[in-house]
Amino acid sequence: MPQTLLLAEDDRAIRHALERALTLEGYQVTAVADGVEALAQAHKSPPDVLVLDVMMPGIDGLQVCRVLRAEGDRTPILMLTALVETADRIAGLDAGADDYVVKPFDVEEVFARLRALLRRTSSPTGTPGTTGATGGTGRDAGGGPAGPGSSAAAVRESEPPAERLLTAAGLRMDPQARRAWRGDRELELTRTEFELLELLVRNAGIVLDHSTIYDRIWGYDFGPGSKNLAVYVGYLRRKLDEPGAPQLIHTVRGVGYVLRED
């Protein structure tokens, strides 16, 4: 079965050219001209992957991304943007995008980034378009919102068997269910955050260089000027760190990152 792709691009020439190229590449493409149509189509027939232009009239690509992520939709999203500043790219990642391509782009680069996203989601631990596919659903075992009233005992009862867990530096991860905890607190992680943390936990105490992490998580190296990895490490640190507790992810300058509890 061809993989389904939803393309949202307001520039008609770019939309038609990209739609043809993606179709020839083997995707089953649905192309729309704005964010309103993109959301309607995503709700009607969830695709395997989305390609969203950032700058669209009305509801733009960032807003589409935020809405889908707020609904628990973890379908991989590739953003197309003419904005080249680091802050603009970070805004896309903050909105929940998995990757981005800067205009003007080579269509082969789009193909390569889509292949990398779909490789990650076709692994046994993740399924494209699965609602709540990442570890942090924000809900307790009974299906209600997890909040201050959720007891440690309830959290423990909802955990999988110990033999299924990865453990390191006070962290516990269930790759099968894509859930993670620090102590009694369940972490709410996006797909990329979960995969990055899992890689660090599996290699706890080992310094992983930038190129190794890029290859394992994104499928390719963004290059020495990229801030993607630093951005995601920052996201993880904010979710992992606790007042008075040791920092878990350490930077080894000029090399990469290591997970350890000092």
C-alpha atoms as a PDB file:
ATOM      1  CA  MET A   1       0.000   0.000   0.000  1.00  0.00           C
ATOM      2  CA  PRO A   2       1.380   3.477  -0.848  1.00  0.00           C
ATOM      3  CA  GLN A   3       1.974   5.751   2.109  1.00  0.00           C
ATOM      4  CA  THR A   4      -0.523   8.578   2.384  1.00  0.00           C
ATOM      5  CA  LEU A   5       0.693  12.162   2.523  1.00  0.00           C
ATOM      6  CA  LEU A   6      -1.204  15.380   3.201  1.00  0.00           C
ATOM      7  CA  LEU A   7       0.384  18.447   1.583  1.00  0.00           C
ATOM      8  CA  ALA A   8      -0.707  21.969   2.558  1.00  0.00           C
ATOM      9  CA  GLU A   9       0.852  24.755   0.462  1.00  0.00           C
ATOM     10  CA  ASP A  10      -0.824  28.008  -0.578  1.00  0.00           C
ATOM     11  CA  ASP A  11       1.493  28.697  -3.535  1.00  0.00           C
ATOM     12  CA  ARG A  12      -0.270  26.919  -6.396  1.00  0.00           C
ATOM     13  CA  ALA A  13       2.848  26.402  -8.522  1.00  0.00           C
ATOM     14  CA  ILE A  14       4.816  24.892  -5.632  1.00  0.00           C
ATOM     15  CA  ARG A  15       1.826  22.809  -4.528  1.00  0.00           C
ATOM     16  CA  HIS A  16       1.247  21.310  -7.976  1.00  0.00           C
ATOM     17  CA  ALA A  17       4.946  20.666  -8.616  1.00  0.00           C
ATOM     18  CA  LEU A  18       5.468  19.028  -5.236  1.00  0.00           C
ATOM     19  CA  GLU A  19       2.269  17.014  -5.565  1.00  0.00           C
ATOM     20  CA  ARG A  20       3.456  15.602  -8.899  1.00  0.00           C
ATOM     21  CA  ALA A  21       6.937  14.853  -7.594  1.00  0.00           C
ATOM     22  CA  LEU A  22       5.633  13.117  -4.457  1.00  0.00           C
ATOM     23  CA  THR A  23       3.129  11.096  -6.489  1.00  0.00           C
ATOM     24  CA  LEU A  24       5.896   9.934  -8.830  1.00  0.00           C
ATOM     25  CA  GLU A  25       7.913   9.008  -5.735  1.00  0.00           C
ATOM     26  CA  GLY A  26       5.097   6.619  -4.771  1.00  0.00           C
ATOM     27  CA  TYR A  27       3.087   8.580  -2.202  1.00  0.00           C
ATOM     28  CA  GLN A  28      -0.692   8.821  -2.271  1.00  0.00           C
ATOM     29  CA  VAL A  29      -0.955  12.612  -2.057  1.00  0.00           C
ATOM     30  CA  THR A  30      -3.816  14.833  -0.978  1.00  0.00           C
ATOM     31  CA  ALA A  31      -2.949  18.487  -1.669  1.00  0.00           C
ATOM     32  CA  VAL A  32      -4.793  21.444  -0.107  1.00  0.00           C
ATOM     33  CA  ALA A  33      -4.261  25.197  -0.266  1.00  0.00           C
ATOM     34  CA  ASP A  34      -4.607  26.352   3.346  1.00  0.00           C
ATOM     35  CA  GLY A  35      -4.606  25.379   7.006  1.00  0.00           C
ATOM     36  CA  VAL A  36      -8.380  25.117   7.324  1.00  0.00           C
ATOM     37  CA  GLU A  37      -8.496  22.509   4.561  1.00  0.00           C
ATOM     38  CA  ALA A  38      -5.475  20.750   6.049  1.00  0.00           C
ATOM     39  CA  LEU A  39      -7.158  20.305   9.437  1.00  0.00           C
ATOM     40  CA  ALA A  40     -10.416  19.176   7.854  1.00  0.00           C
ATOM     41  CA  GLN A  41      -8.628  16.592   5.712  1.00  0.00           C
ATOM     42  CA  ALA A  42      -6.424  15.391   8.590  1.00  0.00           C
ATOM     43  CA  HIS A  43      -9.539  14.794  10.705  1.00  0.00           C
ATOM     44  CA  LYS A  44     -11.427  13.141   7.869  1.00  0.00           C
ATOM     45  CA  SER A  45      -8.673  10.800   6.704  1.00  0.00           C
ATOM     46  CA  PRO A  46      -5.503  10.822   8.871  1.00  0.00           C
ATOM     47  CA  PRO A  47      -2.396  10.517   6.649  1.00  0.00           C
ATOM     48  CA  ASP A  48       0.874   8.715   7.337  1.00  0.00           C
ATOM     49  CA  VAL A  49       2.787  12.004   7.135  1.00  0.00           C
ATOM     50  CA  LEU A  50       2.052  15.717   6.707  1.00  0.00           C
ATOM     51  CA  VAL A  51       3.970  18.368   4.771  1.00  0.00           C
ATOM     52  CA  LEU A  52       2.911  21.852   5.883  1.00  0.00           C
ATOM     53  CA  ASP A  53       3.926  25.256   4.571  1.00  0.00           C
ATOM     54  CA  VAL A  54       4.559  27.638   7.468  1.00  0.00           C
ATOM     55  CA  MET A  55       3.277  30.827   5.819  1.00  0.00           C
ATOM     56  CA  MET A  56      -0.350  30.317   4.773  1.00  0.00           C
ATOM     57  CA  PRO A  57      -3.255  32.777   4.996  1.00  0.00           C
ATOM     58  CA  GLY A  58      -5.725  32.337   7.824  1.00  0.00           C
ATOM     59  CA  ILE A  59      -4.576  29.286   9.749  1.00  0.00           C
ATOM     60  CA  ASP A  60      -0.877  28.844   9.045  1.00  0.00           C
ATOM     61  CA  GLY A  61       1.235  25.712   9.247  1.00  0.00           C
ATOM     62  CA  LEU A  62       2.337  26.348  12.826  1.00  0.00           C
ATOM     63  CA  GLN A  63      -1.260  26.640  13.986  1.00  0.00           C
ATOM     64  CA  VAL A  64      -2.209  23.421  12.173  1.00  0.00           C
ATOM     65  CA  CYS A  65       0.684  21.693  13.890  1.00  0.00           C
ATOM     66  CA  ARG A  66      -0.297  23.015  17.327  1.00  0.00           C
ATOM     67  CA  VAL A  67      -3.921  21.942  16.901  1.00  0.00           C
ATOM     68  CA  LEU A  68      -3.015  18.395  15.862  1.00  0.00           C
ATOM     69  CA  ARG A  69      -0.500  17.988  18.688  1.00  0.00           C
ATOM     70  CA  ALA A  70      -3.006  19.358  21.218  1.00  0.00           C
ATOM     71  CA  GLU A  71      -5.449  16.698  20.027  1.00  0.00           C
ATOM     72  CA  GLY A  72      -2.846  14.003  20.680  1.00  0.00           C
ATOM     73  CA  ASP A  73      -2.127  13.382  17.000  1.00  0.00           C
ATOM     74  CA  ARG A  74       1.495  12.248  16.635  1.00  0.00           C
ATOM     75  CA  THR A  75       1.602  11.900  12.847  1.00  0.00           C
ATOM     76  CA  PRO A  76       5.062  13.048  11.664  1.00  0.00           C
ATOM     77  CA  ILE A  77       5.101  16.599  10.301  1.00  0.00           C
ATOM     78  CA  LEU A  78       7.596  18.135   7.895  1.00  0.00           C
ATOM     79  CA  MET A  79       7.439  21.934   7.690  1.00  0.00           C
ATOM     80  CA  LEU A  80       8.260  23.962   4.564  1.00  0.00           C
ATOM     81  CA  THR A  81       9.508  27.454   5.364  1.00  0.00           C
ATOM     82  CA  ALA A  82      11.081  30.451   3.693  1.00  0.00           C
ATOM     83  CA  LEU A  83      12.128  31.721   7.137  1.00  0.00           C
ATOM     84  CA  VAL A  84      15.782  30.945   7.724  1.00  0.00           C
ATOM     85  CA  GLU A  85      16.437  32.468  11.145  1.00  0.00           C
ATOM     86  CA  THR A  86      17.129  30.026  13.982  1.00  0.00           C
ATOM     87  CA  ALA A  87      14.275  31.507  16.027  1.00  0.00           C
ATOM     88  CA  ASP A  88      11.826  30.734  13.212  1.00  0.00           C
ATOM     89  CA  ARG A  89      12.982  27.128  13.021  1.00  0.00           C
ATOM     90  CA  ILE A  90      12.741  26.775  16.788  1.00  0.00           C
ATOM     91  CA  ALA A  91       9.160  28.105  16.600  1.00  0.00           C
ATOM     92  CA  GLY A  92       8.306  25.242  14.242  1.00  0.00           C
ATOM     93  CA  LEU A  93       9.871  22.662  16.549  1.00  0.00           C
ATOM     94  CA  ASP A  94       8.098  24.203  19.549  1.00  0.00           C
ATOM     95  CA  ALA A  95       4.804  23.865  17.675  1.00  0.00           C
ATOM     96  CA  GLY A  96       5.399  20.120  17.446  1.00  0.00           C
ATOM     97  CA  ALA A  97       6.967  19.705  14.014  1.00  0.00           C
ATOM     98  CA  ASP A  98       9.403  16.834  13.558  1.00  0.00           C
ATOM     99  CA  ASP A  99      11.570  18.402  10.848  1.00  0.00           C
ATOM    100  CA  TYR A 100      11.717  21.282   8.383  1.00  0.00           C
ATOM    101  CA  VAL A 101      12.996  22.147   4.908  1.00  0.00           C
ATOM    102  CA  VAL A 102      13.980  25.691   3.962  1.00  0.00           C
ATOM    103  CA  LYS A 103      12.756  27.174   0.670  1.00  0.00           C
ATOM    104  CA  PRO A 104      13.983  27.094  -2.019  1.00  0.00           C
ATOM    105  CA  PHE A 105      14.578  23.379  -1.575  1.00  0.00           C
ATOM    106  CA  ASP A 106      15.755  20.437  -3.647  1.00  0.00           C
ATOM    107  CA  VAL A 107      12.928  17.932  -3.964  1.00  0.00           C
ATOM    108  CA  GLU A 108      15.400  15.125  -3.255  1.00  0.00           C
ATOM    109  CA  GLU A 109      15.993  16.651   0.168  1.00  0.00           C
ATOM    110  CA  VAL A 110      12.245  16.565   0.823  1.00  0.00           C
ATOM    111  CA  PHE A 111      12.182  12.891  -0.173  1.00  0.00           C
ATOM    112  CA  ALA A 112      15.131  12.099   2.113  1.00  0.00           C
ATOM    113  CA  ARG A 113      13.609  13.845   5.124  1.00  0.00           C
ATOM    114  CA  LEU A 114      10.258  12.126   4.586  1.00  0.00           C
ATOM    115  CA  ARG A 115      11.983   8.736   4.366  1.00  0.00           C
ATOM    116  CA  ALA A 116      13.766   9.442   7.645  1.00  0.00           C
ATOM    117  CA  LEU A 117      10.527  10.450   9.401  1.00  0.00           C
ATOM    118  CA  LEU A 118       8.672   7.386   8.127  1.00  0.00           C
ATOM    119  CA  ARG A 119      11.529   5.038   9.067  1.00  0.00           C
ATOM    120  CA  ARG A 120      11.239   6.230  12.630  1.00  0.00           C
ATOM    121  CA  THR A 121       7.468   5.797  12.795  1.00  0.00           C
ATOM    122  CA  SER A 122       7.439   2.396  11.078  1.00  0.00           C
ATOM    123  CA  SER A 123       9.603   0.856  13.831  1.00  0.00           C
ATOM    124  CA  PRO A 124       7.961  -1.666  16.219  1.00  0.00           C
ATOM    125  CA  THR A 125       7.741   1.032  18.915  1.00  0.00           C
ATOM    126  CA  GLY A 126       5.780   3.556  16.882  1.00  0.00           C
ATOM    127  CA  THR A 127       2.940   3.653  14.375  1.00  0.00           C
ATOM    128  CA  PRO A 128       2.217   6.619  12.096  1.00  0.00           C
ATOM    129  CA  GLY A 129      -0.859   8.620  12.958  1.00  0.00           C
ATOM    130  CA  THR A 130      -1.481   6.830  16.240  1.00  0.00           C
ATOM    131  CA  THR A 131      -3.041   9.142  18.753  1.00  0.00           C
ATOM    132  CA  GLY A 132      -0.981   9.241  21.918  1.00  0.00           C
ATOM    133  CA  ALA A 133       1.850   7.300  20.285  1.00  0.00           C
ATOM    134  CA  THR A 134       4.432   9.065  22.403  1.00  0.00           C
ATOM    135  CA  GLY A 135       4.998   8.368  26.050  1.00  0.00           C
ATOM    136  CA  GLY A 136       3.271  11.403  27.566  1.00  0.00           C
ATOM    137  CA  THR A 137      -0.480  11.172  27.191  1.00  0.00           C
ATOM    138  CA  GLY A 138      -1.118  13.386  30.187  1.00  0.00           C
ATOM    139  CA  ARG A 139      -3.625  10.826  31.517  1.00  0.00           C
ATOM    140  CA  ASP A 140      -3.636   8.435  34.417  1.00  0.00           C
ATOM    141  CA  ALA A 141      -4.496   4.734  34.348  1.00  0.00           C
ATOM    142  CA  GLY A 142      -8.203   5.469  34.584  1.00  0.00           C
ATOM    143  CA  GLY A 143      -8.251   7.699  31.510  1.00  0.00           C
ATOM    144  CA  GLY A 144      -8.636  10.983  33.385  1.00  0.00           C
ATOM    145  CA  PRO A 145      -6.209  13.872  33.319  1.00  0.00           C
ATOM    146  CA  ALA A 146      -3.049  13.248  35.298  1.00  0.00           C
ATOM    147  CA  GLY A 147      -2.599  16.027  37.818  1.00  0.00           C
ATOM    148  CA  PRO A 148      -1.500  16.800  41.347  1.00  0.00           C
ATOM    149  CA  GLY A 149      -4.204  14.510  42.713  1.00  0.00           C
ATOM    150  CA  SER A 150      -2.787  11.422  41.017  1.00  0.00           C
ATOM    151  CA  SER A 151      -1.104   9.328  43.701  1.00  0.00           C
ATOM    152  CA  ALA A 152       2.269   7.636  43.370  1.00  0.00           C
ATOM    153  CA  ALA A 153       0.522   4.317  43.972  1.00  0.00           C
ATOM    154  CA  ALA A 154      -1.779   4.889  41.018  1.00  0.00           C
ATOM    155  CA  VAL A 155       1.201   5.705  38.840  1.00  0.00           C
ATOM    156  CA  ARG A 156       2.976   2.560  39.945  1.00  0.00           C
ATOM    157  CA  GLU A 157      -0.092   0.412  39.286  1.00  0.00           C
ATOM    158  CA  SER A 158      -0.266   1.688  35.718  1.00  0.00           C
ATOM    159  CA  GLU A 159       3.340   0.758  34.960  1.00  0.00           C
ATOM    160  CA  PRO A 160       4.250  -2.312  32.871  1.00  0.00           C
ATOM    161  CA  PRO A 161       6.165  -5.330  34.220  1.00  0.00           C
ATOM    162  CA  ALA A 162       9.695  -4.474  35.381  1.00  0.00           C
ATOM    163  CA  GLU A 163      11.301  -6.750  32.786  1.00  0.00           C
ATOM    164  CA  ARG A 164       9.870  -4.540  30.040  1.00  0.00           C
ATOM    165  CA  LEU A 165      11.421  -1.358  31.414  1.00  0.00           C
ATOM    166  CA  LEU A 166      14.682   0.362  30.560  1.00  0.00           C
ATOM    167  CA  THR A 167      16.211   1.957  33.650  1.00  0.00           C
ATOM    168  CA  ALA A 168      19.097   4.382  34.141  1.00  0.00           C
ATOM    169  CA  ALA A 169      19.896   7.399  36.322  1.00  0.00           C
ATOM    170  CA  GLY A 170      16.546   7.255  38.110  1.00  0.00           C
ATOM    171  CA  LEU A 171      14.603   7.059  34.851  1.00  0.00           C
ATOM    172  CA  ARG A 172      12.272   4.283  33.728  1.00  0.00           C
ATOM    173  CA  MET A 173      11.125   3.849  30.127  1.00  0.00           C
ATOM    174  CA  ASP A 174       8.707   1.469  28.458  1.00  0.00           C
ATOM    175  CA  PRO A 175       9.648   1.501  24.742  1.00  0.00           C
ATOM    176  CA  GLN A 176       6.692  -0.704  23.838  1.00  0.00           C
ATOM    177  CA  ALA A 177       4.092   1.667  25.304  1.00  0.00           C
ATOM    178  CA  ARG A 178       6.301   4.725  24.734  1.00  0.00           C
ATOM    179  CA  ARG A 179       6.017   5.932  28.321  1.00  0.00           C
ATOM    180  CA  ALA A 180       8.704   7.320  30.616  1.00  0.00           C
ATOM    181  CA  TRP A 181       9.007   8.279  34.287  1.00  0.00           C
ATOM    182  CA  ARG A 182      11.414  10.080  36.577  1.00  0.00           C
ATOM    183  CA  GLY A 183      10.650   8.828  40.045  1.00  0.00           C
ATOM    184  CA  ASP A 184       6.871   8.800  40.426  1.00  0.00           C
ATOM    185  CA  ARG A 185       6.368  11.503  37.797  1.00  0.00           C
ATOM    186  CA  GLU A 186       5.373  10.447  34.295  1.00  0.00           C
ATOM    187  CA  LEU A 187       7.013  12.539  31.592  1.00  0.00           C
ATOM    188  CA  GLU A 188       5.002  14.032  28.732  1.00  0.00           C
ATOM    189  CA  LEU A 189       7.273  13.605  25.708  1.00  0.00           C
ATOM    190  CA  THR A 190       6.868  14.148  21.987  1.00  0.00           C
ATOM    191  CA  ARG A 191       7.944  11.382  19.608  1.00  0.00           C
ATOM    192  CA  THR A 192      11.368  12.913  18.985  1.00  0.00           C
ATOM    193  CA  GLU A 193      11.948  13.650  22.671  1.00  0.00           C
ATOM    194  CA  PHE A 194      11.070  10.071  23.588  1.00  0.00           C
ATOM    195  CA  GLU A 195      13.393   8.580  20.976  1.00  0.00           C
ATOM    196  CA  LEU A 196      16.253  10.866  22.006  1.00  0.00           C
ATOM    197  CA  LEU A 197      15.796   9.999  25.676  1.00  0.00           C
ATOM    198  CA  GLU A 198      15.570   6.285  24.870  1.00  0.00           C
ATOM    199  CA  LEU A 199      18.856   6.493  22.955  1.00  0.00           C
ATOM    200  CA  LEU A 200      20.536   8.213  25.904  1.00  0.00           C
ATOM    201  CA  VAL A 201      19.105   5.737  28.441  1.00  0.00           C
ATOM    202  CA  ARG A 202      20.221   2.727  26.392  1.00  0.00           C
ATOM    203  CA  ASN A 203      23.716   4.243  26.309  1.00  0.00           C
ATOM    204  CA  ALA A 204      23.787   5.668  29.853  1.00  0.00           C
ATOM    205  CA  GLY A 205      27.290   6.707  30.877  1.00  0.00           C
ATOM    206  CA  ILE A 206      28.525   6.710  27.265  1.00  0.00           C
ATOM    207  CA  VAL A 207      29.228   9.998  25.493  1.00  0.00           C
ATOM    208  CA  LEU A 208      27.317  10.010  22.194  1.00  0.00           C
ATOM    209  CA  ASP A 209      28.683  12.377  19.553  1.00  0.00           C
ATOM    210  CA  HIS A 210      26.449  14.709  17.567  1.00  0.00           C
ATOM    211  CA  SER A 211      26.658  12.808  14.285  1.00  0.00           C
ATOM    212  CA  THR A 212      25.741   9.497  15.967  1.00  0.00           C
ATOM    213  CA  ILE A 213      22.664  11.038  17.581  1.00  0.00           C
ATOM    214  CA  TYR A 214      21.589  12.751  14.362  1.00  0.00           C
ATOM    215  CA  ASP A 215      21.924   9.487  12.440  1.00  0.00           C
ATOM    216  CA  ARG A 216      20.002   7.431  14.990  1.00  0.00           C
ATOM    217  CA  ILE A 217      17.191   9.932  15.608  1.00  0.00           C
ATOM    218  CA  TRP A 218      16.786  11.841  12.339  1.00  0.00           C
ATOM    219  CA  GLY A 219      18.427   9.455   9.872  1.00  0.00           C
ATOM    220  CA  TYR A 220      20.900  12.054   8.608  1.00  0.00           C
ATOM    221  CA  ASP A 221      23.272  14.760   9.878  1.00  0.00           C
ATOM    222  CA  PHE A 222      21.972  18.331   9.713  1.00  0.00           C
ATOM    223  CA  GLY A 223      25.552  19.655   9.614  1.00  0.00           C
ATOM    224  CA  PRO A 224      27.779  21.505  12.087  1.00  0.00           C
ATOM    225  CA  GLY A 225      25.675  24.683  12.079  1.00  0.00           C
ATOM    226  CA  SER A 226      22.419  22.970  13.072  1.00  0.00           C
ATOM    227  CA  LYS A 227      20.743  23.768  16.389  1.00  0.00           C
ATOM    228  CA  ASN A 228      18.157  20.965  16.175  1.00  0.00           C
ATOM    229  CA  LEU A 229      19.879  18.651  18.640  1.00  0.00           C
ATOM    230  CA  ALA A 230      20.588  21.423  21.155  1.00  0.00           C
ATOM    231  CA  VAL A 231      16.942  22.503  20.949  1.00  0.00           C
ATOM    232  CA  TYR A 232      15.646  18.994  21.720  1.00  0.00           C
ATOM    233  CA  VAL A 233      18.168  18.470  24.524  1.00  0.00           C
ATOM    234  CA  GLY A 234      16.869  21.720  25.998  1.00  0.00           C
ATOM    235  CA  TYR A 235      13.299  20.435  25.765  1.00  0.00           C
ATOM    236  CA  LEU A 236      14.258  17.206  27.539  1.00  0.00           C
ATOM    237  CA  ARG A 237      16.169  18.978  30.288  1.00  0.00           C
ATOM    238  CA  ARG A 238      13.175  21.181  31.073  1.00  0.00           C
ATOM    239  CA  LYS A 239      10.955  18.106  31.367  1.00  0.00           C
ATOM    240  CA  LEU A 240      13.462  15.960  33.265  1.00  0.00           C
ATOM    241  CA  ASP A 241      15.011  18.402  35.713  1.00  0.00           C
ATOM    242  CA  GLU A 242      13.575  18.792  39.196  1.00  0.00           C
ATOM    243  CA  PRO A 243      14.437  21.311  41.944  1.00  0.00           C
ATOM    244  CA  GLY A 244      17.211  19.953  44.135  1.00  0.00           C
ATOM    245  CA  ALA A 245      17.730  16.881  41.921  1.00  0.00           C
ATOM    246  CA  PRO A 246      20.879  16.309  39.865  1.00  0.00           C
ATOM    247  CA  GLN A 247      20.892  17.143  36.169  1.00  0.00           C
ATOM    248  CA  LEU A 248      20.771  13.989  34.048  1.00  0.00           C
ATOM    249  CA  ILE A 249      21.803  15.068  30.523  1.00  0.00           C
ATOM    250  CA  HIS A 250      25.312  16.508  30.394  1.00  0.00           C
ATOM    251  CA  THR A 251      27.006  18.365  27.554  1.00  0.00           C
ATOM    252  CA  VAL A 252      30.493  17.256  26.567  1.00  0.00           C
ATOM    253  CA  ARG A 253      31.751  20.320  24.699  1.00  0.00           C
ATOM    254  CA  GLY A 254      32.829  19.684  21.150  1.00  0.00           C
ATOM    255  CA  VAL A 255      31.671  16.053  21.316  1.00  0.00           C
ATOM    256  CA  GLY A 256      28.044  15.450  22.264  1.00  0.00           C
ATOM    257  CA  TYR A 257      25.879  14.404  25.209  1.00  0.00           C
ATOM    258  CA  VAL A 258      25.805  11.781  27.964  1.00  0.00           C
ATOM    259  CA  LEU A 259      23.129  10.627  30.391  1.00  0.00           C
ATOM    260  CA  ARG A 260      24.385  10.101  33.933  1.00  0.00           C
ATOM    261  CA  GLU A 261      23.349  10.981  37.482  1.00  0.00           C
ATOM    262  CA  ASP A 262      26.217  12.780  39.216  1.00  0.00           C
END
